[in-house]
C-alpha atoms as a PDB file:
ATOM      1  CA  MET A   1      22.079  20.989 -15.126  1.00  0.00           C
ATOM      2  CA  GLY A   2      19.977  18.336 -13.417  1.00  0.00           C
ATOM      3  CA  TRP A   3      20.686  15.744 -16.099  1.00  0.00           C
ATOM      4  CA  ILE A   4      24.437  16.326 -15.947  1.00  0.00           C
ATOM      5  CA  ILE A   5      24.530  16.078 -12.154  1.00  0.00           C
ATOM      6  CA  ALA A   6      22.326  12.971 -12.169  1.00  0.00           C
ATOM      7  CA  LEU A   7      24.530  11.213 -14.738  1.00  0.00           C
ATOM      8  CA  ILE A   8      27.747  12.024 -12.887  1.00  0.00           C
ATOM      9  CA  THR A   9      26.398  11.031  -9.480  1.00  0.00           C
ATOM     10  CA  ALA A  10      24.988   7.778 -10.917  1.00  0.00           C
ATOM     11  CA  VAL A  11      28.549   6.774 -11.770  1.00  0.00           C
ATOM     12  CA  VAL A  12      30.020   7.942  -8.459  1.00  0.00           C
ATOM     13  CA  PRO A  13      27.339   7.596  -5.735  1.00  0.00           C
ATOM     14  CA  SER A  14      29.053   9.744  -3.120  1.00  0.00           C
ATOM     15  CA  ARG A  15      27.223  12.516  -1.255  1.00  0.00           C
ATOM     16  CA  THR A  16      30.383  14.646  -1.057  1.00  0.00           C
ATOM     17  CA  PHE A  17      31.005  14.287  -4.791  1.00  0.00           C
ATOM     18  CA  PHE A  18      27.369  15.244  -5.497  1.00  0.00           C
ATOM     19  CA  VAL A  19      27.741  18.432  -3.443  1.00  0.00           C
ATOM     20  CA  LEU A  20      31.035  19.343  -5.134  1.00  0.00           C
ATOM     21  CA  VAL A  21      29.673  18.763  -8.649  1.00  0.00           C
ATOM     22  CA  THR A  22      26.544  20.787  -7.858  1.00  0.00           C
ATOM     23  CA  LEU A  23      28.606  23.656  -6.438  1.00  0.00           C
ATOM     24  CA  ALA A  24      31.034  23.677  -9.380  1.00  0.00           C
ATOM     25  CA  THR A  25      28.204  23.606 -11.924  1.00  0.00           C
ATOM     26  CA  GLN A  26      26.290  26.416 -10.224  1.00  0.00           C
ATOM     27  CA  THR A  27      29.440  28.529  -9.906  1.00  0.00           C
ATOM     28  CA  ALA A  28      30.266  28.101 -13.600  1.00  0.00           C
ATOM     29  CA  ILE A  29      26.746  29.043 -14.696  1.00  0.00           C
ATOM     30  CA  ASP A  30      26.589  32.032 -12.319  1.00  0.00           C
ATOM     31  CA  GLY A  31      29.982  33.242 -13.535  1.00  0.00           C
ATOM     32  CA  ALA A  32      28.991  32.975 -17.190  1.00  0.00           C
ATOM     33  CA  VAL A  33      25.736  34.859 -16.626  1.00  0.00           C
ATOM     34  CA  GLY A  34      27.516  37.503 -14.558  1.00  0.00           C
ATOM     35  CA  MET A  35      30.182  38.103 -17.199  1.00  0.00           C
ATOM     36  CA  PHE A  36      27.508  38.336 -19.907  1.00  0.00           C
ATOM     37  CA  VAL A  37      25.599  40.952 -17.908  1.00  0.00           C
ATOM     38  CA  ILE A  38      28.750  42.975 -17.214  1.00  0.00           C
ATOM     39  CA  TYR A  39      29.967  42.950 -20.808  1.00  0.00           C
ATOM     40  CA  SER A  40      26.602  43.502 -22.479  1.00  0.00           C
ATOM     41  CA  SER A  41      24.904  45.902 -20.080  1.00  0.00           C
ATOM     42  CA  ILE A  42      27.511  47.925 -18.237  1.00  0.00           C
ATOM     43  CA  LEU A  43      30.625  48.349 -20.392  1.00  0.00           C
ATOM     44  CA  ASP A  44      30.688  51.106 -23.015  1.00  0.00           C
ATOM     45  CA  GLU A  45      27.632  52.802 -21.543  1.00  0.00           C
ATOM     46  CA  ASP A  46      27.291  56.519 -20.952  1.00  0.00           C
ATOM     47  CA  ILE A  47      25.898  56.883 -17.447  1.00  0.00           C
ATOM     48  CA  SER A  48      25.156  60.479 -16.419  1.00  0.00           C
ATOM     49  CA  ASN A  49      28.542  62.279 -16.456  1.00  0.00           C
ATOM     50  CA  PHE A  50      30.829  59.262 -16.839  1.00  0.00           C
ATOM     51  CA  ARG A  51      31.507  56.308 -19.131  1.00  0.00           C
ATOM     52  CA  VAL A  52      32.390  52.750 -18.121  1.00  0.00           C
ATOM     53  CA  ALA A  53      34.916  51.231 -20.540  1.00  0.00           C
ATOM     54  CA  LEU A  54      38.043  49.095 -20.668  1.00  0.00           C
ATOM     55  CA  LEU A  55      41.317  50.675 -21.761  1.00  0.00           C
ATOM     56  CA  PRO A  56      44.371  48.743 -22.952  1.00  0.00           C
ATOM     57  CA  LEU A  57      47.427  48.649 -20.704  1.00  0.00           C
ATOM     58  CA  SER A  58      50.159  51.014 -21.871  1.00  0.00           C
ATOM     59  CA  SER A  59      53.648  49.559 -22.261  1.00  0.00           C
ATOM     60  CA  SER A  60      55.394  52.787 -21.257  1.00  0.00           C
ATOM     61  CA  SER A  61      55.364  54.650 -17.962  1.00  0.00           C
ATOM     62  CA  ASP A  62      52.940  57.255 -19.359  1.00  0.00           C
ATOM     63  CA  THR A  63      49.687  57.596 -17.514  1.00  0.00           C
ATOM     64  CA  VAL A  64      46.428  57.204 -19.372  1.00  0.00           C
ATOM     65  CA  THR A  65      44.096  60.141 -19.046  1.00  0.00           C
ATOM     66  CA  ALA A  66      40.368  60.034 -19.610  1.00  0.00           C
ATOM     67  CA  PRO A  67      39.142  61.166 -23.034  1.00  0.00           C
ATOM     68  CA  ALA A  68      37.725  64.678 -23.301  1.00  0.00           C
ATOM     69  CA  THR A  69      34.614  63.495 -25.133  1.00  0.00           C
ATOM     70  CA  PRO A  70      32.884  60.093 -24.939  1.00  0.00           C
ATOM     71  CA  GLY A  71      33.909  59.009 -28.462  1.00  0.00           C
ATOM     72  CA  GLU A  72      37.527  60.177 -28.307  1.00  0.00           C
ATOM     73  CA  LEU A  73      40.289  57.690 -27.439  1.00  0.00           C
ATOM     74  CA  PRO A  74      43.700  58.721 -26.076  1.00  0.00           C
ATOM     75  CA  ASN A  75      46.665  58.462 -28.481  1.00  0.00           C
ATOM     76  CA  GLY A  76      49.455  56.277 -27.421  1.00  0.00           C
END
């Protein structure tokens, strides 16, 4: 990250631009790490009496109910 910021700020020697590039780079890295942690550690885990998972959106007005057992998916 330091090399990228140094190269960009060498071309455009503005303090405001340096701060914006640093903030954008840090936000992108933090977002990528956060999404990796959420998808790899939290989703599809059985935690005590509940399960954290993503369900597809249904195209009809039917409501989606939770599966009776952890491995069972609703039909629809």
